[in-house]
Amino acid sequence: MASKEEFENHCWVDVVKPEDLQTYAPYARETYVGDNPALLAIDLYNLVYKGGRKYPHELEPEYPNSCGIYAHEAIEPTQKLIAGCRAAKLPIFYVTAQFTPHRVASTRRVHLPMTAHDCEIHDAFTPKPEDVVFRKERPSAFFGTPLIAHLNQRRIDSLIVCGESTSGCVRASVLEAHMYGKHVTVVEESCFDRCEATHKVNLFDMHHKYADVMHLDEVLLHLDALAAGRSPAVAAVSA
């Protein structure tokens, strides 16, 4: 079993108080990737990359929906993750926003202007013909899409999750996957949010309740094991 220090060796250690880490100490466990996983890439669309490598507050007047530097810092890790999943011949599911000019709102939150191009997947992650792309109108990748039917038909027992925003669509999708009984691995370096503190706290919360948050290099070890025809659990023991 992982030690408390190993289990908490993540980005949130500088925002979560030591006494709160102690409160959650009983949750420490070995993290893993399932034996028959798929990759779920959430909302890697053009809108959140607008304005380049600046902090979101600097981009707010012109690009209020951008995740700025946080989105751009996650590009390379996400490309490595996708490449590892392809090498292991994992199914890859992309989900992006459905462009709807007159969306039905459930709160009074102001919906900022966006275009059909904004909702297209960024060129850094262009899907291949064998990948599956869904469009959604709500935060969860499952709501209003046939994702769960695809997972069940292909006997997929677990998901590797990347994308944005950690506190919004990633979290909503992780929770719903958990409700469907799917094990979820969230790749820390391949998820991002407009707010760094929100990103860290939501990863912390999901890690202790609904998912295993793992570092990219750990996940790639599991994918290497899958590509070699070994169980990921064996890779975890030998790492």
Protein backbone atom coordinates (compact mmCIF):
# COMPACT_ATOMS: atom_id res chain seq x y z
CA MET A 1 0.00 0.00 0.00
CA ALA A 2 1.21 3.52 -0.79
CA SER A 3 2.45 5.60 2.11
CA LYS A 4 0.59 8.78 3.04
CA GLU A 5 3.48 10.83 1.62
CA GLU A 6 3.44 8.95 -1.70
CA PHE A 7 -0.33 9.19 -1.97
CA GLU A 8 -0.29 12.96 -1.39
CA ASN A 9 2.73 13.68 -3.61
CA HIS A 10 0.77 15.96 -5.90
CA CYS A 11 0.27 19.61 -6.80
CA TRP A 12 -2.15 20.34 -3.95
CA VAL A 13 0.35 20.02 -1.09
CA ASP A 14 0.93 23.79 -1.11
CA VAL A 15 -2.77 24.68 -0.80
CA VAL A 16 -4.22 21.95 1.43
CA LYS A 17 -3.47 22.40 5.13
CA PRO A 18 -1.45 19.66 6.92
CA GLU A 19 -4.34 18.98 9.29
CA ASP A 20 -6.65 18.39 6.33
CA LEU A 21 -4.15 15.99 4.79
CA GLN A 22 -4.16 14.15 8.12
CA THR A 23 -7.96 14.01 8.08
CA TYR A 24 -7.84 12.21 4.74
CA ALA A 25 -4.92 9.92 5.65
CA PRO A 26 -7.16 6.79 5.83
CA TYR A 27 -7.86 7.19 2.09
CA ALA A 28 -4.26 6.38 1.11
CA ARG A 29 -4.07 3.41 -1.26
CA GLU A 30 -2.31 2.06 -4.32
CA THR A 31 -3.42 3.92 -7.43
CA TYR A 32 -3.79 2.11 -10.74
CA VAL A 33 -5.02 2.02 -14.32
CA GLY A 34 -7.64 -0.61 -15.14
CA ASP A 35 -6.99 -3.66 -17.30
CA ASN A 36 -9.18 -2.48 -20.19
CA PRO A 37 -9.07 1.33 -20.17
CA ALA A 38 -9.92 4.04 -22.67
CA LEU A 39 -8.76 7.63 -22.89
CA LEU A 40 -11.34 10.37 -22.39
CA ALA A 41 -10.08 13.77 -23.61
CA ILE A 42 -12.38 16.53 -22.41
CA ASP A 43 -12.84 19.94 -24.05
CA LEU A 44 -9.45 20.35 -25.71
CA TYR A 45 -11.03 22.95 -27.95
CA ASN A 46 -9.63 26.13 -29.51
CA LEU A 47 -11.40 28.54 -27.19
CA VAL A 48 -9.32 27.79 -24.11
CA TYR A 49 -5.97 28.25 -25.90
CA LYS A 50 -6.69 31.76 -27.22
CA GLY A 51 -4.26 34.52 -26.34
CA GLY A 52 -1.23 32.28 -25.84
CA ARG A 53 0.93 31.70 -22.79
CA LYS A 54 -0.40 34.44 -20.54
CA TYR A 55 -2.20 34.15 -17.23
CA PRO A 56 -5.98 34.09 -17.56
CA HIS A 57 -6.47 37.39 -15.71
CA GLU A 58 -4.23 39.08 -18.30
CA LEU A 59 -6.37 37.67 -21.11
CA GLU A 60 -9.75 38.38 -19.52
CA PRO A 61 -10.62 41.59 -21.40
CA GLU A 62 -10.09 40.03 -24.86
CA TYR A 63 -10.31 36.27 -24.25
CA PRO A 64 -12.43 35.75 -21.13
CA ASN A 65 -12.85 32.01 -21.79
CA SER A 66 -9.14 31.28 -22.18
CA CYS A 67 -7.15 29.17 -19.74
CA GLY A 68 -3.99 30.82 -21.06
CA ILE A 69 -0.68 29.54 -19.78
CA TYR A 70 -2.30 26.66 -17.90
CA ALA A 71 -3.75 25.31 -21.16
CA HIS A 72 -0.48 25.72 -23.04
CA GLU A 73 1.61 24.09 -20.30
CA ALA A 74 -0.60 21.00 -20.57
CA ILE A 75 -0.18 20.59 -24.35
CA GLU A 76 3.04 18.58 -24.33
CA PRO A 77 2.04 16.24 -21.46
CA THR A 78 -1.30 15.63 -23.15
CA GLN A 79 0.37 14.85 -26.47
CA LYS A 80 2.60 12.32 -24.68
CA LEU A 81 -0.43 10.80 -23.00
CA ILE A 82 -2.33 10.46 -26.27
CA ALA A 83 0.73 8.94 -27.97
CA GLY A 84 1.06 6.41 -25.14
CA CYS A 85 -2.59 5.48 -25.44
CA ARG A 86 -2.24 5.01 -29.20
CA ALA A 87 0.84 2.81 -28.72
CA ALA A 88 -1.16 0.66 -26.30
CA LYS A 89 -4.04 0.57 -28.82
CA LEU A 90 -6.51 2.09 -26.37
CA PRO A 91 -9.81 3.48 -27.62
CA ILE A 92 -9.73 7.28 -27.56
CA PHE A 93 -12.87 9.33 -26.96
CA TYR A 94 -12.87 13.08 -27.46
CA VAL A 95 -15.68 15.23 -26.15
CA THR A 96 -16.10 18.89 -27.01
CA ALA A 97 -18.74 21.57 -26.71
CA GLN A 98 -21.73 21.62 -29.01
CA PHE A 99 -21.87 25.06 -30.59
CA THR A 100 -25.37 26.33 -29.93
CA PRO A 101 -25.92 30.06 -30.44
CA HIS A 102 -29.01 30.09 -28.20
CA ARG A 103 -28.14 27.79 -25.33
CA VAL A 104 -30.67 27.02 -22.62
CA ALA A 105 -29.21 28.23 -19.32
CA SER A 106 -29.91 26.76 -15.90
CA THR A 107 -28.30 29.65 -13.97
CA ARG A 108 -27.95 33.40 -14.49
CA ARG A 109 -24.30 33.01 -15.39
CA VAL A 110 -23.43 35.15 -18.40
CA HIS A 111 -22.58 32.96 -21.41
CA LEU A 112 -19.73 34.64 -23.23
CA PRO A 113 -19.65 34.77 -27.03
CA MET A 114 -18.16 31.79 -28.87
CA THR A 115 -18.06 30.49 -32.42
CA ALA A 116 -18.23 27.09 -34.07
CA HIS A 117 -14.45 27.24 -34.59
CA ASP A 118 -13.95 27.86 -30.88
CA CYS A 119 -15.55 24.47 -30.21
CA GLU A 120 -13.31 22.52 -32.60
CA ILE A 121 -10.56 20.39 -31.08
CA HIS A 122 -7.19 22.14 -31.06
CA ASP A 123 -4.75 21.22 -33.83
CA ALA A 124 -2.30 19.85 -31.25
CA PHE A 125 -4.71 16.98 -30.58
CA THR A 126 -6.36 16.33 -33.95
CA PRO A 127 -8.42 13.12 -33.68
CA LYS A 128 -7.64 10.22 -36.00
CA PRO A 129 -10.34 8.45 -38.04
CA GLU A 130 -10.54 5.59 -35.54
CA ASP A 131 -11.19 7.95 -32.61
CA VAL A 132 -14.70 8.77 -31.43
CA VAL A 133 -15.78 12.41 -31.04
CA PHE A 134 -18.88 13.44 -29.10
CA ARG A 135 -20.39 16.88 -28.65
CA LYS A 136 -22.10 17.89 -25.43
CA GLU A 137 -24.16 20.79 -24.10
CA ARG A 138 -23.58 20.18 -20.39
CA PRO A 139 -20.45 19.68 -18.26
CA SER A 140 -20.42 15.87 -18.08
CA ALA A 141 -19.11 13.90 -21.06
CA PHE A 142 -21.90 11.40 -20.37
CA PHE A 143 -24.93 13.69 -20.24
CA GLY A 144 -26.82 13.61 -23.53
CA THR A 145 -24.15 11.54 -25.31
CA PRO A 146 -23.84 7.79 -26.07
CA LEU A 147 -20.50 7.53 -24.25
CA ILE A 148 -21.60 4.95 -21.66
CA ALA A 149 -23.09 2.74 -24.38
CA HIS A 150 -19.76 2.75 -26.23
CA LEU A 151 -17.84 1.91 -23.05
CA ASN A 152 -20.13 -0.96 -22.12
CA GLN A 153 -20.25 -2.38 -25.64
CA ARG A 154 -16.44 -2.48 -25.73
CA ARG A 155 -16.20 -3.82 -22.16
CA ILE A 156 -14.12 -0.85 -21.05
CA ASP A 157 -13.71 -1.03 -17.28
CA SER A 158 -11.89 2.23 -16.66
CA LEU A 159 -11.09 5.66 -18.02
CA ILE A 160 -7.92 7.72 -18.23
CA VAL A 161 -9.03 11.35 -18.15
CA CYS A 162 -7.37 14.52 -19.39
CA GLY A 163 -8.59 17.98 -20.38
CA GLU A 164 -10.37 20.94 -18.86
CA SER A 165 -11.62 22.46 -16.78
CA THR A 166 -10.56 20.46 -13.75
CA SER A 167 -13.27 22.02 -11.59
CA GLY A 168 -15.99 21.85 -14.24
CA CYS A 169 -16.29 19.39 -17.10
CA VAL A 170 -13.48 17.11 -15.90
CA ARG A 171 -14.94 16.85 -12.42
CA ALA A 172 -18.50 16.35 -13.71
CA SER A 173 -17.34 13.57 -16.04
CA VAL A 174 -15.26 11.87 -13.35
CA LEU A 175 -18.20 11.85 -10.94
CA GLU A 176 -20.57 10.40 -13.51
CA ALA A 177 -18.05 7.74 -14.55
CA HIS A 178 -17.76 6.82 -10.87
CA MET A 179 -21.56 6.53 -10.67
CA TYR A 180 -21.47 4.12 -13.61
CA GLY A 181 -18.94 1.97 -11.77
CA LYS A 182 -15.95 2.81 -13.95
CA HIS A 183 -12.55 3.24 -12.36
CA VAL A 184 -11.09 6.65 -13.26
CA THR A 185 -7.47 7.73 -13.51
CA VAL A 186 -6.99 11.51 -13.76
CA VAL A 187 -3.64 12.56 -15.22
CA GLU A 188 -2.45 15.53 -13.19
CA GLU A 189 -0.20 17.17 -15.77
CA SER A 190 -2.79 16.81 -18.54
CA CYS A 191 -5.64 18.61 -16.76
CA PHE A 192 -5.98 22.34 -16.32
CA ASP A 193 -8.26 25.16 -15.20
CA ARG A 194 -8.42 28.96 -15.33
CA CYS A 195 -7.73 29.13 -11.60
CA GLU A 196 -4.69 27.31 -10.22
CA ALA A 197 -6.08 26.99 -6.70
CA THR A 198 -9.38 25.59 -8.00
CA HIS A 199 -7.45 23.10 -10.14
CA LYS A 200 -5.44 21.85 -7.18
CA VAL A 201 -8.30 21.62 -4.70
CA ASN A 202 -10.53 19.75 -7.14
CA LEU A 203 -7.77 17.26 -7.94
CA PHE A 204 -7.32 16.74 -4.19
CA ASP A 205 -11.04 16.17 -3.68
CA MET A 206 -11.44 13.76 -6.61
CA HIS A 207 -8.34 11.82 -5.55
CA HIS A 208 -9.77 11.12 -2.13
CA LYS A 209 -13.31 10.26 -3.24
CA TYR A 210 -13.89 9.34 -6.87
CA ALA A 211 -10.66 8.74 -8.80
CA ASP A 212 -6.95 8.03 -8.72
CA VAL A 213 -4.94 11.13 -9.60
CA MET A 214 -1.67 9.95 -11.10
CA HIS A 215 1.38 11.59 -12.61
CA LEU A 216 1.94 11.29 -16.34
CA ASP A 217 5.09 9.18 -15.98
CA GLU A 218 3.21 6.68 -13.81
CA VAL A 219 0.39 6.39 -16.33
CA LEU A 220 2.85 5.93 -19.19
CA LEU A 221 4.42 3.00 -17.30
CA HIS A 222 1.01 1.37 -17.10
CA LEU A 223 0.42 2.00 -20.80
CA ASP A 224 3.80 0.47 -21.64
CA ALA A 225 2.74 -2.63 -19.73
CA LEU A 226 -0.52 -2.79 -21.68
CA ALA A 227 1.34 -2.40 -24.97
CA ALA A 228 3.61 -5.29 -23.95
CA GLY A 229 0.63 -7.47 -23.10
CA ARG A 230 1.09 -7.33 -19.33
CA SER A 231 -1.45 -6.32 -16.71
CA PRO A 232 -1.02 -2.70 -15.53
CA ALA A 233 -1.13 -4.03 -11.96
CA VAL A 234 2.14 -5.87 -12.65
CA ALA A 235 3.71 -2.62 -13.83
CA ALA A 236 2.63 -0.91 -10.62
CA VAL A 237 4.29 -3.56 -8.47
CA SER A 238 7.53 -3.61 -10.46
CA ALA A 239 7.85 0.21 -10.81
